[in-house]
């Protein structure tokens, strides 16, 4: 899977807005003429799968294998010699990191704790499939919030966090008040963004201003790869030399980085260089460089005093 970026152009926004206030994104995994499924909704939603089995469940020494948020395969082994009722199965599955378990009419429901298309859930195998009512390969991804249309804005960016280079996308307008929708636009392919799973990435961001308080536009922020572990994530080699971003008109910049990577962060025009370990959660660039050791002694230059001659 990969992050697939879409750039959506709305030429007649002033004519569209009286009728619609949002855009829906639909995805096909079976070609341009395949079956399309909406990957947006009224709000961010998690991935969820529901089994068809009804208890009590004879699960002694049986397993359920699955993958959460495009991560590594996990296995739960049921050990009880006594058939389990649905509440006991729910308690066992609810203890899995990244998952929330519940029941619906006696069936097991597995839901990701993460919302949006970055959230994925796939059943990959196990000997308990028939008992719980799952099938190998059963898959779901979460949904992102529909894109809000804005007067004066004609270009909209969207990122499908669990896409594939072979996916096709369609867009249509939606009225959140009446439920009315337009016809679909032509199918398009997106541009490949990240191939590293979203669960292994975090967002680095920051806002910068000058001494006069005005935003600094066009300041380069560079993250240099030190080539220390992790050198690979999920079999993908992390070999890029640097990531460079620039602040916008509001002094803001952001990018995604691999969790745990060791990078040197530089702010152009300041002389500041800091070596940091990329955190495991989204972070503010200023916050991490403010607490990092100043290995290059930029803030406290070691300048010897001149010898007094008289």
Protein backbone atom coordinates (compact mmCIF):
# COMPACT_ATOMS: atom_id res chain seq x y z
CA UNK A 1 0.00 0.00 0.00
CA UNK A 2 0.99 3.61 -0.47
CA UNK A 3 -0.18 7.14 0.10
CA UNK A 4 -1.90 8.30 -3.11
CA UNK A 5 -2.20 12.06 -3.59
CA UNK A 6 -5.01 13.68 -5.56
CA UNK A 7 -5.14 17.27 -6.75
CA UNK A 8 -8.76 18.22 -7.47
CA UNK A 9 -9.56 21.31 -9.52
CA UNK A 10 -12.99 22.97 -9.21
CA UNK A 11 -13.15 25.51 -12.01
CA UNK A 12 -16.65 26.86 -11.33
CA UNK A 13 -16.60 27.03 -7.52
CA UNK A 14 -18.94 30.06 -7.38
CA UNK A 15 -21.57 28.10 -9.32
CA UNK A 16 -21.07 24.91 -7.31
CA UNK A 17 -21.35 26.40 -3.81
CA UNK A 18 -25.05 27.40 -4.00
CA UNK A 19 -25.86 23.72 -4.60
CA UNK A 20 -23.19 21.74 -2.74
CA UNK A 21 -20.83 22.29 0.19
CA UNK A 22 -18.63 19.17 0.18
CA UNK A 23 -16.80 16.72 -2.08
CA UNK A 24 -16.89 12.93 -1.84
CA UNK A 25 -13.93 10.75 -2.85
CA UNK A 26 -14.67 7.27 -4.26
CA UNK A 27 -12.03 4.58 -4.93
CA UNK A 28 -11.88 1.55 -7.23
CA UNK A 29 -9.34 -1.22 -6.68
CA UNK A 30 -10.40 -3.01 -9.88
CA UNK A 31 -9.58 -0.52 -12.62
CA UNK A 32 -11.17 2.58 -14.06
CA UNK A 33 -14.43 0.75 -14.86
CA UNK A 34 -14.48 -1.25 -11.61
CA UNK A 35 -16.67 -0.98 -8.53
CA UNK A 36 -16.19 2.29 -6.64
CA UNK A 37 -16.57 2.65 -2.87
CA UNK A 38 -16.69 5.96 -1.02
CA UNK A 39 -13.65 6.50 1.22
CA UNK A 40 -14.99 9.72 2.74
CA UNK A 41 -17.83 10.28 5.19
CA UNK A 42 -19.44 12.94 7.40
CA UNK A 43 -16.52 12.50 9.82
CA UNK A 44 -13.35 10.42 10.09
CA UNK A 45 -14.29 6.79 10.68
CA UNK A 46 -12.26 3.69 11.67
CA UNK A 47 -11.88 0.41 9.82
CA UNK A 48 -14.25 -2.29 11.10
CA UNK A 49 -14.99 -5.98 10.42
CA UNK A 50 -17.86 -8.07 11.80
CA UNK A 51 -17.84 -11.85 12.08
CA UNK A 52 -20.85 -14.00 11.30
CA UNK A 53 -20.31 -16.67 13.97
CA UNK A 54 -22.47 -17.06 17.07
CA UNK A 55 -21.29 -18.40 20.44
CA UNK A 56 -20.54 -20.27 22.46
CA UNK A 57 -17.22 -20.55 20.60
CA UNK A 58 -15.10 -23.75 21.00
CA UNK A 59 -11.74 -22.03 20.55
CA UNK A 60 -9.25 -24.00 22.66
CA UNK A 61 -5.76 -23.68 21.08
CA UNK A 62 -7.23 -21.99 17.99
CA UNK A 63 -5.81 -18.80 16.52
CA UNK A 64 -6.93 -15.61 14.79
CA UNK A 65 -4.38 -13.80 12.63
CA UNK A 66 -4.80 -10.22 11.44
CA UNK A 67 -3.05 -6.98 10.53
CA UNK A 68 -3.93 -3.56 11.96
CA UNK A 69 -3.14 -0.27 10.22
CA UNK A 70 -0.91 -1.94 7.61
CA UNK A 71 1.34 -3.24 10.37
CA UNK A 72 2.87 -6.67 10.88
CA UNK A 73 0.65 -9.73 11.23
CA UNK A 74 -0.53 -10.40 14.77
CA UNK A 75 -1.81 -13.65 16.26
CA UNK A 76 -4.21 -14.20 19.14
CA UNK A 77 -4.30 -17.74 20.56
CA UNK A 78 -7.38 -18.77 22.55
CA UNK A 79 -6.44 -21.17 25.35
CA UNK A 80 -9.64 -21.81 27.32
CA UNK A 81 -10.79 -25.47 27.23
CA UNK A 82 -14.35 -24.24 27.87
CA UNK A 83 -16.34 -22.74 24.97
CA UNK A 84 -16.32 -18.95 25.27
CA UNK A 85 -19.35 -16.70 25.08
CA UNK A 86 -19.22 -13.51 23.02
CA UNK A 87 -18.38 -11.25 25.98
CA UNK A 88 -15.30 -13.35 26.80
CA UNK A 89 -14.10 -13.24 23.19
CA UNK A 90 -14.66 -9.48 23.15
CA UNK A 91 -12.53 -9.07 26.30
CA UNK A 92 -9.67 -11.06 24.78
CA UNK A 93 -9.67 -9.16 21.47
CA UNK A 94 -10.15 -5.79 23.16
CA UNK A 95 -6.73 -6.21 24.78
CA UNK A 96 -4.98 -6.12 21.39
CA UNK A 97 -3.06 -2.87 20.78
CA UNK A 98 -4.76 -0.69 18.18
CA UNK A 99 -8.04 -2.62 18.27
CA UNK A 100 -11.38 -2.10 19.96
CA UNK A 101 -13.68 -5.13 20.20
CA UNK A 102 -17.43 -5.21 20.73
CA UNK A 103 -20.44 -7.35 19.86
CA UNK A 104 -23.43 -6.81 17.62
CA UNK A 105 -26.34 -9.26 17.89
CA UNK A 106 -23.94 -11.87 19.24
CA UNK A 107 -21.32 -11.34 16.52
CA UNK A 108 -17.75 -10.21 17.14
CA UNK A 109 -16.97 -6.70 15.86
CA UNK A 110 -13.34 -5.61 15.48
CA UNK A 111 -12.66 -1.88 15.04
CA UNK A 112 -9.42 0.08 14.73
CA UNK A 113 -8.72 2.76 17.31
CA UNK A 114 -7.29 4.89 14.49
CA UNK A 115 -9.67 6.82 12.20
CA UNK A 116 -9.40 7.76 8.51
CA UNK A 117 -7.94 5.93 5.53
CA UNK A 118 -4.72 5.38 7.48
CA UNK A 119 -6.76 2.86 9.51
CA UNK A 120 -6.87 -0.61 7.97
CA UNK A 121 -7.90 -4.02 9.24
CA UNK A 122 -7.30 -7.33 7.47
CA UNK A 123 -7.96 -10.93 8.54
CA UNK A 124 -4.93 -12.90 7.38
CA UNK A 125 -5.60 -16.42 8.69
CA UNK A 126 -5.95 -18.66 11.72
CA UNK A 127 -7.77 -21.81 12.79
CA UNK A 128 -10.59 -19.86 14.50
CA UNK A 129 -11.90 -18.28 11.29
CA UNK A 130 -14.85 -20.62 10.81
CA UNK A 131 -15.94 -20.39 14.46
CA UNK A 132 -15.85 -16.59 14.55
CA UNK A 133 -17.27 -16.17 11.07
CA UNK A 134 -14.35 -14.44 9.36
CA UNK A 135 -12.71 -15.31 6.05
CA UNK A 136 -9.05 -15.01 5.14
CA UNK A 137 -8.40 -11.78 3.24
CA UNK A 138 -11.43 -9.96 4.65
CA UNK A 139 -10.41 -6.30 4.64
CA UNK A 140 -11.63 -2.82 5.46
CA UNK A 141 -10.12 0.66 5.53
CA UNK A 142 -11.36 3.69 7.43
CA UNK A 143 -12.86 6.81 5.89
CA UNK A 144 -11.71 10.43 5.87
CA UNK A 145 -13.96 13.43 6.44
CA UNK A 146 -15.48 14.78 3.23
CA UNK A 147 -13.69 17.78 1.74
CA UNK A 148 -15.35 21.12 2.52
CA UNK A 149 -15.75 23.44 -0.47
CA UNK A 150 -14.68 27.05 0.06
CA UNK A 151 -15.46 30.20 -1.89
CA UNK A 152 -12.40 31.34 -3.83
CA UNK A 153 -10.58 28.00 -3.50
CA UNK A 154 -10.38 26.08 -6.76
CA UNK A 155 -7.68 23.49 -6.01
CA UNK A 156 -8.06 20.88 -3.26
CA UNK A 157 -5.48 18.33 -2.15
CA UNK A 158 -6.42 14.91 -0.82
CA UNK A 159 -4.26 11.97 0.34
CA UNK A 160 -5.57 8.40 0.44
CA UNK A 161 -3.42 6.88 3.20
CA UNK A 162 -4.16 3.25 2.26
CA UNK A 163 -4.18 3.49 -1.52
CA UNK A 164 -2.36 1.67 -4.27
CA UNK A 165 -0.76 2.92 -7.51
CA UNK A 166 -3.32 0.86 -9.46
CA UNK A 167 -6.33 2.50 -7.77
CA UNK A 168 -8.70 4.81 -9.64
CA UNK A 169 -10.71 7.64 -8.08
CA UNK A 170 -13.92 9.50 -8.82
CA UNK A 171 -15.18 12.71 -7.22
CA UNK A 172 -18.67 14.12 -6.85
CA UNK A 173 -20.21 17.06 -4.98
CA UNK A 174 -22.45 16.57 -1.96
CA UNK A 175 -24.94 18.74 -0.04
CA UNK A 176 -24.63 17.91 3.67
CA UNK A 177 -27.95 19.57 4.43
CA UNK A 178 -30.21 17.88 1.89
CA UNK A 179 -28.21 14.76 1.02
CA UNK A 180 -28.25 15.70 -2.67
CA UNK A 181 -25.23 14.82 -4.81
CA UNK A 182 -23.96 15.51 -8.30
CA UNK A 183 -22.90 13.13 -11.03
CA UNK A 184 -19.37 11.72 -10.88
CA UNK A 185 -16.39 13.24 -12.63
CA UNK A 186 -14.13 11.15 -14.84
CA UNK A 187 -12.00 8.43 -13.19
CA UNK A 188 -8.41 9.46 -12.47
CA UNK A 189 -5.26 7.95 -11.02
CA UNK A 190 -3.42 9.70 -8.22
CA UNK A 191 0.26 10.36 -7.69
CA UNK A 192 2.28 8.06 -5.43
CA UNK A 193 3.24 9.61 -2.11
CA UNK A 194 4.68 7.46 0.68
CA UNK A 195 5.01 3.67 0.41
CA UNK A 196 5.93 3.38 4.09
CA UNK A 197 2.83 2.44 6.15
CA UNK A 198 1.20 5.45 7.86
CA UNK A 199 1.64 3.68 11.20
CA UNK A 200 5.42 4.11 10.77
CA UNK A 201 5.24 7.83 9.94
CA UNK A 202 4.73 10.99 12.00
CA UNK A 203 4.10 14.60 11.03
CA UNK A 204 6.74 17.24 11.75
CA UNK A 205 5.46 20.82 11.61
CA UNK A 206 6.31 24.31 12.74
CA UNK A 207 5.45 28.00 12.39
CA UNK A 208 8.14 30.67 12.23
CA UNK A 209 8.16 34.47 12.47
CA UNK A 210 10.77 37.21 12.38
CA UNK A 211 11.71 39.63 15.16
CA UNK A 212 8.95 41.91 13.91
CA UNK A 213 6.39 39.17 14.45
CA UNK A 214 5.64 38.76 10.76
CA UNK A 215 5.66 35.25 9.26
CA UNK A 216 8.88 34.11 7.58
CA UNK A 217 8.08 32.84 4.10
CA UNK A 218 10.41 30.60 2.10
CA UNK A 219 12.67 29.53 4.97
CA UNK A 220 14.11 26.11 4.23
CA UNK A 221 13.96 23.39 6.90
CA UNK A 222 16.12 20.40 6.05
CA UNK A 223 16.13 16.96 7.67
CA UNK A 224 19.38 15.13 6.88
CA UNK A 225 19.31 11.33 7.15
CA UNK A 226 22.18 10.16 9.40
CA UNK A 227 21.68 6.57 8.18
CA UNK A 228 21.31 5.11 11.63
CA UNK A 229 18.58 2.58 12.49
CA UNK A 230 15.88 2.22 11.36
CA UNK A 231 17.57 1.54 8.02
CA UNK A 232 14.49 -0.40 6.91
CA UNK A 233 10.79 -0.31 7.79
CA UNK A 234 8.63 -3.25 6.77
CA UNK A 235 11.25 -4.37 4.28
CA UNK A 236 11.53 -0.87 2.75
CA UNK A 237 15.04 0.64 2.86
CA UNK A 238 15.17 4.19 4.24
CA UNK A 239 17.96 5.62 2.08
CA UNK A 240 16.85 9.14 1.11
CA UNK A 241 19.61 11.66 1.89
CA UNK A 242 17.37 14.53 2.95
CA UNK A 243 13.87 15.95 3.16
CA UNK A 244 13.57 19.68 2.43
CA UNK A 245 10.50 21.82 3.09
CA UNK A 246 9.85 25.57 3.01
CA UNK A 247 7.57 27.78 5.06
CA UNK A 248 4.50 29.22 3.35
CA UNK A 249 3.05 32.74 3.49
CA UNK A 250 1.90 32.10 7.05
CA UNK A 251 5.36 30.91 8.13
CA UNK A 252 4.12 27.30 8.36
CA UNK A 253 5.69 24.09 7.03
CA UNK A 254 5.10 20.38 7.56
CA UNK A 255 6.28 16.99 6.32
CA UNK A 256 6.05 13.30 7.20
CA UNK A 257 9.07 11.46 8.62
CA UNK A 258 9.88 7.85 9.55
CA UNK A 259 9.47 7.18 13.26
CA UNK A 260 12.72 6.60 15.13
CA UNK A 261 14.99 7.86 12.33
CA UNK A 262 18.01 9.91 13.43
CA UNK A 263 18.21 13.20 11.54
CA UNK A 264 20.09 16.48 11.62
CA UNK A 265 17.61 19.38 11.44
CA UNK A 266 18.80 22.68 10.01
CA UNK A 267 16.95 25.98 9.74
CA UNK A 268 18.29 28.06 6.85
CA UNK A 269 19.62 31.48 7.76
CA UNK A 270 19.97 30.68 11.48
CA UNK A 271 23.05 28.50 11.80
CA UNK A 272 20.99 26.11 13.94
CA UNK A 273 21.78 22.41 13.50
CA UNK A 274 20.36 19.80 15.87
CA UNK A 275 20.56 16.00 15.80
CA UNK A 276 17.33 14.38 17.00
CA UNK A 277 15.56 11.05 17.04
CA UNK A 278 12.23 11.41 15.24
CA UNK A 279 9.49 10.96 17.88
CA UNK A 280 6.78 8.31 17.62
CA UNK A 281 3.98 10.90 17.64
CA UNK A 282 3.37 14.08 15.61
CA UNK A 283 5.69 16.81 16.85
CA UNK A 284 6.54 20.49 16.66
CA UNK A 285 9.93 21.10 15.05
CA UNK A 286 10.82 23.92 17.44
CA UNK A 287 9.95 21.78 20.45
CA UNK A 288 12.39 19.00 19.54
CA UNK A 289 15.29 21.23 18.51
CA UNK A 290 14.89 23.36 21.63
CA UNK A 291 15.66 20.40 23.92
CA UNK A 292 18.24 18.71 21.68
CA UNK A 293 21.92 18.96 22.58
CA UNK A 294 23.79 21.67 20.70
CA UNK A 295 26.60 19.44 19.50
CA UNK A 296 27.97 22.16 17.27
CA UNK A 297 27.98 24.84 20.03
CA UNK A 298 25.98 27.27 17.91
CA UNK A 299 24.22 28.95 20.81
CA UNK A 300 27.34 29.25 22.98
CA UNK A 301 30.28 29.79 20.61
CA UNK A 302 33.68 29.00 22.14
CA UNK A 303 35.59 32.15 21.16
CA UNK A 304 38.79 32.75 23.18
CA UNK A 305 39.44 36.28 24.39
CA UNK A 306 42.33 38.16 22.77
CA UNK A 307 45.54 38.40 24.76
CA UNK A 308 45.83 41.77 26.52
CA UNK A 309 49.02 43.53 25.45
CA UNK A 310 48.98 46.59 27.76
